[in-house]
PDB file of N, CA and C in Angstrom:
ATOM      1  N   MET A   1     -28.666  -4.852   3.343  1.00  0.00           N
ATOM      2  CA  MET A   1     -27.273  -4.705   2.993  1.00  0.00           C
ATOM      3  C   MET A   1     -27.068  -3.317   2.383  1.00  0.00           C
ATOM      4  N   LYS A   2     -25.965  -2.679   2.746  1.00  0.00           N
ATOM      5  CA  LYS A   2     -25.664  -1.354   2.205  1.00  0.00           C
ATOM      6  C   LYS A   2     -25.306  -1.460   0.729  1.00  0.00           C
ATOM      7  N   THR A   3     -25.670  -0.436  -0.029  1.00  0.00           N
ATOM      8  CA  THR A   3     -25.346  -0.415  -1.452  1.00  0.00           C
ATOM      9  C   THR A   3     -24.030   0.314  -1.675  1.00  0.00           C
ATOM     10  N   ASP A   4     -23.351  -0.028  -2.743  1.00  0.00           N
ATOM     11  CA  ASP A   4     -22.124   0.634  -3.205  1.00  0.00           C
ATOM     12  C   ASP A   4     -20.962   0.539  -2.213  1.00  0.00           C
ATOM     13  N   ILE A   5     -20.903  -0.500  -1.377  1.00  0.00           N
ATOM     14  CA  ILE A   5     -19.749  -0.642  -0.480  1.00  0.00           C
ATOM     15  C   ILE A   5     -18.911  -1.870  -0.835  1.00  0.00           C
ATOM     16  N   HIS A   6     -19.404  -2.719  -1.722  1.00  0.00           N
ATOM     17  CA  HIS A   6     -18.703  -3.944  -2.073  1.00  0.00           C
ATOM     18  C   HIS A   6     -17.879  -3.747  -3.336  1.00  0.00           C
ATOM     19  N   PRO A   7     -16.698  -4.371  -3.417  1.00  0.00           N
ATOM     20  CA  PRO A   7     -15.890  -4.243  -4.631  1.00  0.00           C
ATOM     21  C   PRO A   7     -16.563  -4.968  -5.802  1.00  0.00           C
ATOM     22  N   GLU A   8     -16.194  -4.558  -6.999  1.00  0.00           N
ATOM     23  CA  GLU A   8     -16.743  -5.175  -8.207  1.00  0.00           C
ATOM     24  C   GLU A   8     -16.214  -6.601  -8.338  1.00  0.00           C
ATOM     25  N   TYR A   9     -17.093  -7.533  -8.637  1.00  0.00           N
ATOM     26  CA  TYR A   9     -16.758  -8.945  -8.777  1.00  0.00           C
ATOM     27  C   TYR A   9     -16.889  -9.287 -10.252  1.00  0.00           C
ATOM     28  N   HIS A  10     -15.773  -9.645 -10.909  1.00  0.00           N
ATOM     29  CA  HIS A  10     -15.765  -9.822 -12.355  1.00  0.00           C
ATOM     30  C   HIS A  10     -14.907 -11.031 -12.736  1.00  0.00           C
ATOM     31  N   GLU A  11     -14.907 -11.371 -14.016  1.00  0.00           N
ATOM     32  CA  GLU A  11     -14.161 -12.529 -14.510  1.00  0.00           C
ATOM     33  C   GLU A  11     -12.752 -12.130 -14.925  1.00  0.00           C
ATOM     34  N   ILE A  12     -11.746 -12.941 -14.503  1.00  0.00           N
ATOM     35  CA  ILE A  12     -10.349 -12.748 -14.897  1.00  0.00           C
ATOM     36  C   ILE A  12      -9.804 -14.090 -15.370  1.00  0.00           C
ATOM     37  N   THR A  13      -8.635 -14.062 -16.001  1.00  0.00           N
ATOM     38  CA  THR A  13      -7.943 -15.267 -16.434  1.00  0.00           C
ATOM     39  C   THR A  13      -6.716 -15.449 -15.562  1.00  0.00           C
ATOM     40  N   VAL A  14      -6.515 -16.668 -15.069  1.00  0.00           N
ATOM     41  CA  VAL A  14      -5.357 -16.992 -14.241  1.00  0.00           C
ATOM     42  C   VAL A  14      -4.438 -17.898 -15.049  1.00  0.00           C
ATOM     43  N   VAL A  15      -3.127 -17.551 -15.099  1.00  0.00           N
ATOM     44  CA  VAL A  15      -2.130 -18.347 -15.808  1.00  0.00           C
ATOM     45  C   VAL A  15      -1.238 -19.011 -14.770  1.00  0.00           C
ATOM     46  N   MET A  16      -1.227 -20.345 -14.771  1.00  0.00           N
ATOM     47  CA  MET A  16      -0.420 -21.120 -13.832  1.00  0.00           C
ATOM     48  C   MET A  16       1.043 -21.108 -14.283  1.00  0.00           C
ATOM     49  N   THR A  17       1.946 -21.616 -13.435  1.00  0.00           N
ATOM     50  CA  THR A  17       3.375 -21.614 -13.763  1.00  0.00           C
ATOM     51  C   THR A  17       3.694 -22.519 -14.946  1.00  0.00           C
ATOM     52  N   ASP A  18       2.877 -23.544 -15.195  1.00  0.00           N
ATOM     53  CA  ASP A  18       3.131 -24.433 -16.333  1.00  0.00           C
ATOM     54  C   ASP A  18       2.474 -23.935 -17.618  1.00  0.00           C
ATOM     55  N   GLY A  19       1.832 -22.776 -17.573  1.00  0.00           N
ATOM     56  CA  GLY A  19       1.240 -22.171 -18.764  1.00  0.00           C
ATOM     57  C   GLY A  19      -0.241 -22.445 -18.936  1.00  0.00           C
ATOM     58  N   THR A  20      -0.812 -23.349 -18.150  1.00  0.00           N
ATOM     59  CA  THR A  20      -2.241 -23.596 -18.268  1.00  0.00           C
ATOM     60  C   THR A  20      -3.022 -22.395 -17.742  1.00  0.00           C
ATOM     61  N   THR A  21      -4.204 -22.197 -18.286  1.00  0.00           N
ATOM     62  CA  THR A  21      -5.016 -21.049 -17.889  1.00  0.00           C
ATOM     63  C   THR A  21      -6.407 -21.519 -17.495  1.00  0.00           C
ATOM     64  N   TYR A  22      -7.049 -20.717 -16.689  1.00  0.00           N
ATOM     65  CA  TYR A  22      -8.449 -20.931 -16.386  1.00  0.00           C
ATOM     66  C   TYR A  22      -9.084 -19.601 -16.040  1.00  0.00           C
ATOM     67  N   LYS A  23     -10.384 -19.537 -16.190  1.00  0.00           N
ATOM     68  CA  LYS A  23     -11.130 -18.315 -15.881  1.00  0.00           C
ATOM     69  C   LYS A  23     -11.791 -18.485 -14.522  1.00  0.00           C
ATOM     70  N   THR A  24     -11.802 -17.409 -13.758  1.00  0.00           N
ATOM     71  CA  THR A  24     -12.451 -17.400 -12.461  1.00  0.00           C
ATOM     72  C   THR A  24     -13.003 -16.015 -12.213  1.00  0.00           C
ATOM     73  N   ARG A  25     -13.737 -15.870 -11.138  1.00  0.00           N
ATOM     74  CA  ARG A  25     -14.273 -14.569 -10.767  1.00  0.00           C
ATOM     75  C   ARG A  25     -13.503 -14.055  -9.573  1.00  0.00           C
ATOM     76  N   SER A  26     -13.223 -12.746  -9.551  1.00  0.00           N
ATOM     77  CA  SER A  26     -12.399 -12.168  -8.507  1.00  0.00           C
ATOM     78  C   SER A  26     -12.679 -10.682  -8.381  1.00  0.00           C
ATOM     79  N   THR A  27     -12.225 -10.103  -7.279  1.00  0.00           N
ATOM     80  CA  THR A  27     -12.272  -8.657  -7.110  1.00  0.00           C
ATOM     81  C   THR A  27     -10.948  -8.027  -7.526  1.00  0.00           C
ATOM     82  N   TRP A  28      -9.953  -8.861  -7.884  1.00  0.00           N
ATOM     83  CA  TRP A  28      -8.628  -8.391  -8.293  1.00  0.00           C
ATOM     84  C   TRP A  28      -8.692  -7.806  -9.695  1.00  0.00           C
ATOM     85  N   GLY A  29      -7.970  -6.723  -9.944  1.00  0.00           N
ATOM     86  CA  GLY A  29      -7.829  -6.156 -11.279  1.00  0.00           C
ATOM     87  C   GLY A  29      -9.113  -5.625 -11.868  1.00  0.00           C
ATOM     88  N   SER A  30      -9.151  -5.655 -13.196  1.00  0.00           N
ATOM     89  CA  SER A  30     -10.308  -5.181 -13.952  1.00  0.00           C
ATOM     90  C   SER A  30     -10.892  -6.346 -14.735  1.00  0.00           C
ATOM     91  N   PRO A  31     -12.104  -6.219 -15.198  1.00  0.00           N
ATOM     92  CA  PRO A  31     -12.691  -7.295 -16.001  1.00  0.00           C
ATOM     93  C   PRO A  31     -11.809  -7.637 -17.205  1.00  0.00           C
ATOM     94  N   GLY A  32     -11.532  -8.933 -17.383  1.00  0.00           N
ATOM     95  CA  GLY A  32     -10.721  -9.381 -18.508  1.00  0.00           C
ATOM     96  C   GLY A  32      -9.228  -9.389 -18.256  1.00  0.00           C
ATOM     97  N   ASP A  33      -8.744  -8.923 -17.100  1.00  0.00           N
ATOM     98  CA  ASP A  33      -7.313  -8.928 -16.797  1.00  0.00           C
ATOM     99  C   ASP A  33      -6.785 -10.348 -16.669  1.00  0.00           C
ATOM    100  N   THR A  34      -5.454 -10.491 -16.791  1.00  0.00           N
ATOM    101  CA  THR A  34      -4.792 -11.781 -16.654  1.00  0.00           C
ATOM    102  C   THR A  34      -3.853 -11.732 -15.467  1.00  0.00           C
ATOM    103  N   MET A  35      -4.006 -12.696 -14.560  1.00  0.00           N
ATOM    104  CA  MET A  35      -3.135 -12.812 -13.386  1.00  0.00           C
ATOM    105  C   MET A  35      -2.160 -13.959 -13.642  1.00  0.00           C
ATOM    106  N   LYS A  36      -0.858 -13.652 -13.690  1.00  0.00           N
ATOM    107  CA  LYS A  36       0.160 -14.669 -13.913  1.00  0.00           C
ATOM    108  C   LYS A  36       0.768 -15.036 -12.559  1.00  0.00           C
ATOM    109  N   LEU A  37       0.674 -16.309 -12.206  1.00  0.00           N
ATOM    110  CA  LEU A  37       1.150 -16.774 -10.908  1.00  0.00           C
ATOM    111  C   LEU A  37       2.631 -17.139 -10.953  1.00  0.00           C
ATOM    112  N   ASP A  38       3.382 -16.761  -9.913  1.00  0.00           N
ATOM    113  CA  ASP A  38       4.773 -17.166  -9.759  1.00  0.00           C
ATOM    114  C   ASP A  38       4.853 -18.475  -8.986  1.00  0.00           C
ATOM    115  N   ILE A  39       3.929 -18.676  -8.087  1.00  0.00           N
ATOM    116  CA  ILE A  39       3.873 -19.891  -7.283  1.00  0.00           C
ATOM    117  C   ILE A  39       2.434 -20.385  -7.290  1.00  0.00           C
ATOM    118  N   ASP A  40       2.262 -21.672  -7.521  1.00  0.00           N
ATOM    119  CA  ASP A  40       0.938 -22.282  -7.483  1.00  0.00           C
ATOM    120  C   ASP A  40       1.069 -23.717  -6.987  1.00  0.00           C
ATOM    121  N   PRO A  41      -0.021 -24.450  -6.858  1.00  0.00           N
ATOM    122  CA  PRO A  41       0.076 -25.823  -6.352  1.00  0.00           C
ATOM    123  C   PRO A  41       0.953 -26.742  -7.205  1.00  0.00           C
ATOM    124  N   ASN A  42       1.219 -26.364  -8.470  1.00  0.00           N
ATOM    125  CA  ASN A  42       2.095 -27.179  -9.320  1.00  0.00           C
ATOM    126  C   ASN A  42       3.563 -26.987  -8.988  1.00  0.00           C
ATOM    127  N   SER A  43       3.924 -25.872  -8.344  1.00  0.00           N
ATOM    128  CA  SER A  43       5.340 -25.582  -8.110  1.00  0.00           C
ATOM    129  C   SER A  43       5.700 -25.379  -6.647  1.00  0.00           C
ATOM    130  N   HIS A  44       4.729 -25.208  -5.774  1.00  0.00           N
ATOM    131  CA  HIS A  44       5.026 -24.919  -4.367  1.00  0.00           C
ATOM    132  C   HIS A  44       5.384 -26.217  -3.628  1.00  0.00           C
ATOM    133  N   PRO A  45       6.483 -26.204  -2.861  1.00  0.00           N
ATOM    134  CA  PRO A  45       6.919 -27.429  -2.181  1.00  0.00           C
ATOM    135  C   PRO A  45       5.920 -27.961  -1.157  1.00  0.00           C
ATOM    136  N   ALA A  46       5.026 -27.139  -0.669  1.00  0.00           N
ATOM    137  CA  ALA A  46       4.023 -27.623   0.270  1.00  0.00           C
ATOM    138  C   ALA A  46       3.094 -28.635  -0.400  1.00  0.00           C
ATOM    139  N   TRP A  47       2.887 -28.509  -1.713  1.00  0.00           N
ATOM    140  CA  TRP A  47       2.030 -29.436  -2.435  1.00  0.00           C
ATOM    141  C   TRP A  47       2.837 -30.468  -3.215  1.00  0.00           C
ATOM    142  N   THR A  48       4.042 -30.118  -3.670  1.00  0.00           N
ATOM    143  CA  THR A  48       4.817 -31.052  -4.478  1.00  0.00           C
ATOM    144  C   THR A  48       5.690 -31.951  -3.629  1.00  0.00           C
ATOM    145  N   GLY A  49       6.009 -31.540  -2.401  1.00  0.00           N
ATOM    146  CA  GLY A  49       6.831 -32.358  -1.525  1.00  0.00           C
ATOM    147  C   GLY A  49       8.306 -32.292  -1.850  1.00  0.00           C
ATOM    148  N   GLY A  50       8.738 -31.343  -2.663  1.00  0.00           N
ATOM    149  CA  GLY A  50      10.138 -31.242  -3.046  1.00  0.00           C
ATOM    150  C   GLY A  50      10.568 -29.801  -3.187  1.00  0.00           C
ATOM    151  N   ASP A  51      11.632 -29.613  -3.933  1.00  0.00           N
ATOM    152  CA  ASP A  51      12.153 -28.271  -4.161  1.00  0.00           C
ATOM    153  C   ASP A  51      11.206 -27.488  -5.051  1.00  0.00           C
ATOM    154  N   ALA A  52      11.081 -26.215  -4.763  1.00  0.00           N
ATOM    155  CA  ALA A  52      10.223 -25.345  -5.562  1.00  0.00           C
ATOM    156  C   ALA A  52      10.929 -24.957  -6.841  1.00  0.00           C
ATOM    157  N   ARG A  53      10.145 -24.828  -7.889  1.00  0.00           N
ATOM    158  CA  ARG A  53      10.675 -24.350  -9.162  1.00  0.00           C
ATOM    159  C   ARG A  53      10.331 -22.878  -9.294  1.00  0.00           C
ATOM    160  N   ILE A  54      10.845 -22.075  -8.387  1.00  0.00           N
ATOM    161  CA  ILE A  54      10.490 -20.671  -8.334  1.00  0.00           C
ATOM    162  C   ILE A  54      11.477 -19.858  -9.179  1.00  0.00           C
ATOM    163  N   ASN A  55      10.946 -19.079 -10.073  1.00  0.00           N
ATOM    164  CA  ASN A  55      11.757 -18.202 -10.894  1.00  0.00           C
ATOM    165  C   ASN A  55      11.553 -16.792 -10.367  1.00  0.00           C
ATOM    166  N   SER A  56      12.337 -16.406  -9.357  1.00  0.00           N
ATOM    167  CA  SER A  56      12.124 -15.100  -8.725  1.00  0.00           C
ATOM    168  C   SER A  56      13.331 -14.199  -8.961  1.00  0.00           C
ATOM    169  N   GLN A  57      13.298 -13.472 -10.041  1.00  0.00           N
ATOM    170  CA  GLN A  57      14.376 -12.551 -10.348  1.00  0.00           C
ATOM    171  C   GLN A  57      14.294 -11.308  -9.490  1.00  0.00           C
ATOM    172  N   ASP A  58      13.128 -11.013  -8.965  1.00  0.00           N
ATOM    173  CA  ASP A  58      12.947  -9.828  -8.143  1.00  0.00           C
ATOM    174  C   ASP A  58      12.713 -10.181  -6.684  1.00  0.00           C
ATOM    175  N   GLY A  59      12.971 -11.429  -6.308  1.00  0.00           N
ATOM    176  CA  GLY A  59      12.715 -11.870  -4.951  1.00  0.00           C
ATOM    177  C   GLY A  59      13.789 -11.426  -3.977  1.00  0.00           C
ATOM    178  N   GLN A  60      13.585 -11.742  -2.717  1.00  0.00           N
ATOM    179  CA  GLN A  60      14.506 -11.335  -1.660  1.00  0.00           C
ATOM    180  C   GLN A  60      15.887 -11.970  -1.831  1.00  0.00           C
ATOM    181  N   VAL A  61      15.931 -13.247  -2.237  1.00  0.00           N
ATOM    182  CA  VAL A  61      17.223 -13.913  -2.429  1.00  0.00           C
ATOM    183  C   VAL A  61      17.995 -13.256  -3.566  1.00  0.00           C
ATOM    184  N   ALA A  62      17.312 -12.925  -4.653  1.00  0.00           N
ATOM    185  CA  ALA A  62      17.963 -12.267  -5.782  1.00  0.00           C
ATOM    186  C   ALA A  62      18.495 -10.890  -5.378  1.00  0.00           C
ATOM    187  N   LYS A  63      17.723 -10.156  -4.584  1.00  0.00           N
ATOM    188  CA  LYS A  63      18.177  -8.841  -4.122  1.00  0.00           C
ATOM    189  C   LYS A  63      19.405  -8.976  -3.224  1.00  0.00           C
ATOM    190  N   PHE A  64      19.394  -9.976  -2.348  1.00  0.00           N
ATOM    191  CA  PHE A  64      20.530 -10.212  -1.464  1.00  0.00           C
ATOM    192  C   PHE A  64      21.772 -10.572  -2.274  1.00  0.00           C
ATOM    193  N   ASN A  65      21.614 -11.508  -3.226  1.00  0.00           N
ATOM    194  CA  ASN A  65      22.754 -11.920  -4.048  1.00  0.00           C
ATOM    195  C   ASN A  65      23.309 -10.765  -4.861  1.00  0.00           C
ATOM    196  N   LYS A  66      22.442  -9.913  -5.396  1.00  0.00           N
ATOM    197  CA  LYS A  66      22.903  -8.765  -6.169  1.00  0.00           C
ATOM    198  C   LYS A  66      23.654  -7.773  -5.278  1.00  0.00           C
ATOM    199  N   LYS A  67      23.143  -7.563  -4.072  1.00  0.00           N
ATOM    200  CA  LYS A  67      23.758  -6.604  -3.143  1.00  0.00           C
ATOM    201  C   LYS A  67      25.153  -7.061  -2.726  1.00  0.00           C
ATOM    202  N   PHE A  68      25.344  -8.364  -2.535  1.00  0.00           N
ATOM    203  CA  PHE A  68      26.609  -8.873  -2.018  1.00  0.00           C
ATOM    204  C   PHE A  68      27.397  -9.688  -3.053  1.00  0.00           C
ATOM    205  N   GLU A  69      27.143  -9.496  -4.357  1.00  0.00           N
ATOM    206  CA  GLU A  69      27.808 -10.294  -5.384  1.00  0.00           C
ATOM    207  C   GLU A  69      29.318 -10.046  -5.427  1.00  0.00           C
ATOM    208  N   GLY A  70      29.803  -8.879  -5.082  1.00  0.00           N
ATOM    209  CA  GLY A  70      31.228  -8.593  -5.130  1.00  0.00           C
ATOM    210  C   GLY A  70      31.946  -8.832  -3.809  1.00  0.00           C
ATOM    211  N   PHE A  71      31.272  -9.440  -2.863  1.00  0.00           N
ATOM    212  CA  PHE A  71      31.825  -9.629  -1.529  1.00  0.00           C
ATOM    213  C   PHE A  71      32.902 -10.708  -1.483  1.00  0.00           C
ATOM    214  N   GLY A  72      32.850 -11.666  -2.413  1.00  0.00           N
ATOM    215  CA  GLY A  72      33.894 -12.682  -2.506  1.00  0.00           C
ATOM    216  C   GLY A  72      33.576 -14.008  -1.864  1.00  0.00           C
ATOM    217  N   LEU A  73      32.432 -14.155  -1.237  1.00  0.00           N
ATOM    218  CA  LEU A  73      32.055 -15.439  -0.623  1.00  0.00           C
ATOM    219  C   LEU A  73      31.130 -16.189  -1.563  1.00  0.00           C
ATOM    220  N   LYS A  74      31.300 -17.479  -1.635  1.00  0.00           N
ATOM    221  CA  LYS A  74      30.434 -18.309  -2.476  1.00  0.00           C
ATOM    222  C   LYS A  74      29.809 -19.393  -1.646  1.00  0.00           C
TER     223      LYS A  74
END
């Protein structure tokens, strides 16, 4: 195996949408970083079978609504 071609694999903390946390190993970020999830199995409709509890202030729907908020259609 070639040396120095693989990304660093380190421990990070993952924060779920309900606030629970767990530690895992990943190549994402830096050692000790915290990854906060917007969507996870607790909130995604594919796993919950219902409406998603997505809080997306910067999502595509929010951008669309902001762009056309003065258009007059509801």
